Amino acid sequence: MWWIVACDIVEDDQRAAVAGILDGEGERVQYSVFECDWADKRRQEVAAKLRERIDSETDSVRFYPLCETCRGKAELIGVGMKVGELAEKTKRDGWVV
């Protein structure tokens, strides 16, 4: 299932650490927004890593599930690719990102 992950991290070092965790997990589509294709178990594992890294008093990470129907209805205005397009193109063309 696809997940939209939105982060609001106050401190630069923590923000970089969170981005480092998520960069290896999905597509960064905005400065603090990622699109990730995970089974629920993997999402829980990543959430546990993030929980250890953030300051729960000042920071937040939100996970929004995105079903296939909603994924197909996603609208993009401006530059970029729709949810999952980069991942699909990478798999199809054999790119390494």
Protein backbone atom coordinates (compact mmCIF):
# COMPACT_ATOMS: atom_id res chain seq x y z
CA MET A 1 0.00 0.00 0.00
CA TRP A 2 1.15 3.52 -0.71
CA TRP A 3 1.64 5.91 2.20
CA ILE A 4 2.06 9.66 2.23
CA VAL A 5 4.48 10.63 5.01
CA ALA A 6 4.53 14.28 6.10
CA CYS A 7 7.17 15.50 8.55
CA ASP A 8 7.41 18.65 10.66
CA ILE A 9 10.78 18.55 12.42
CA VAL A 10 12.11 21.60 14.30
CA GLU A 11 15.85 20.88 14.65
CA ASP A 12 18.07 20.66 11.56
CA ASP A 13 20.01 17.58 12.71
CA GLN A 14 16.84 15.67 13.53
CA ARG A 15 15.26 16.77 10.23
CA ALA A 16 18.31 15.46 8.34
CA ALA A 17 18.17 12.16 10.24
CA VAL A 18 14.46 11.72 9.52
CA ALA A 19 15.01 12.55 5.84
CA GLY A 20 17.88 10.05 5.75
CA ILE A 21 15.61 7.31 7.04
CA LEU A 22 12.80 8.14 4.62
CA ASP A 23 15.02 8.80 1.57
CA GLY A 24 15.90 5.11 1.55
CA GLU A 25 12.27 4.09 1.84
CA GLY A 26 10.38 6.05 -0.79
CA GLU A 27 10.19 9.06 -3.05
CA ARG A 28 10.77 12.55 -1.69
CA VAL A 29 8.13 14.67 -3.43
CA GLN A 30 8.34 17.83 -1.34
CA TYR A 31 10.90 19.05 1.18
CA SER A 32 9.20 17.19 4.04
CA VAL A 33 6.79 14.89 2.20
CA PHE A 34 7.52 11.36 1.03
CA GLU A 35 5.54 8.74 -0.89
CA CYS A 36 6.34 5.20 0.20
CA ASP A 37 5.08 1.80 -0.98
CA TRP A 38 5.04 -0.38 2.15
CA ALA A 39 3.41 -3.40 3.62
CA ASP A 40 1.99 -2.48 7.03
CA LYS A 41 4.76 -4.36 8.86
CA ARG A 42 7.43 -2.26 7.10
CA ARG A 43 5.52 0.94 7.85
CA GLN A 44 5.48 -0.01 11.52
CA GLU A 45 9.24 -0.70 11.46
CA VAL A 46 9.98 2.69 9.89
CA ALA A 47 7.60 4.40 12.33
CA ALA A 48 9.51 2.82 15.22
CA LYS A 49 12.82 4.17 13.85
CA LEU A 50 11.32 7.63 13.45
CA ARG A 51 9.76 7.53 16.93
CA GLU A 52 13.25 6.98 18.37
CA ARG A 53 14.71 9.90 16.40
CA ILE A 54 12.18 12.72 16.77
CA ASP A 55 11.40 14.93 19.74
CA SER A 56 7.77 14.08 20.49
CA GLU A 57 7.35 17.42 22.30
CA THR A 58 8.10 19.53 19.21
CA ASP A 59 8.10 17.30 16.10
CA SER A 60 5.53 15.28 14.20
CA VAL A 61 5.44 12.66 11.48
CA ARG A 62 2.10 11.78 9.90
CA PHE A 63 1.32 8.65 7.87
CA TYR A 64 -1.63 8.78 5.49
CA PRO A 65 -2.65 5.56 3.72
CA LEU A 66 -3.39 5.90 0.02
CA CYS A 67 -5.53 3.15 -1.52
CA GLU A 68 -5.24 2.25 -5.22
CA THR A 69 -8.50 4.06 -6.05
CA CYS A 70 -7.36 7.29 -4.39
CA ARG A 71 -3.88 6.92 -5.86
CA GLY A 72 -5.39 6.94 -9.33
CA LYS A 73 -7.30 10.13 -8.49
CA ALA A 74 -4.27 12.02 -7.18
CA GLU A 75 -3.86 15.39 -8.86
CA LEU A 76 -0.55 17.09 -9.44
CA ILE A 77 -0.29 20.76 -10.32
CA GLY A 78 3.11 21.89 -11.54
CA VAL A 79 6.30 19.90 -11.95
CA GLY A 80 6.88 16.37 -10.73
CA MET A 81 5.36 12.93 -11.13
CA LYS A 82 2.15 11.54 -9.67
CA VAL A 83 2.27 9.11 -6.75
CA GLY A 84 4.37 6.09 -7.64
CA GLU A 85 5.30 7.17 -11.18
CA LEU A 86 9.01 7.52 -10.38
CA ALA A 87 9.08 4.12 -8.67
CA GLU A 88 7.30 2.50 -11.61
CA LYS A 89 9.60 4.20 -14.14
CA THR A 90 12.66 3.16 -12.13
CA LYS A 91 11.55 -0.49 -12.05
CA ARG A 92 10.57 -0.48 -15.73
CA ASP A 93 13.72 1.21 -17.02
CA GLY A 94 16.13 -0.42 -14.57
CA TRP A 95 17.25 2.86 -13.01
CA VAL A 96 19.09 2.98 -9.73
CA VAL A 97 18.15 5.98 -7.62
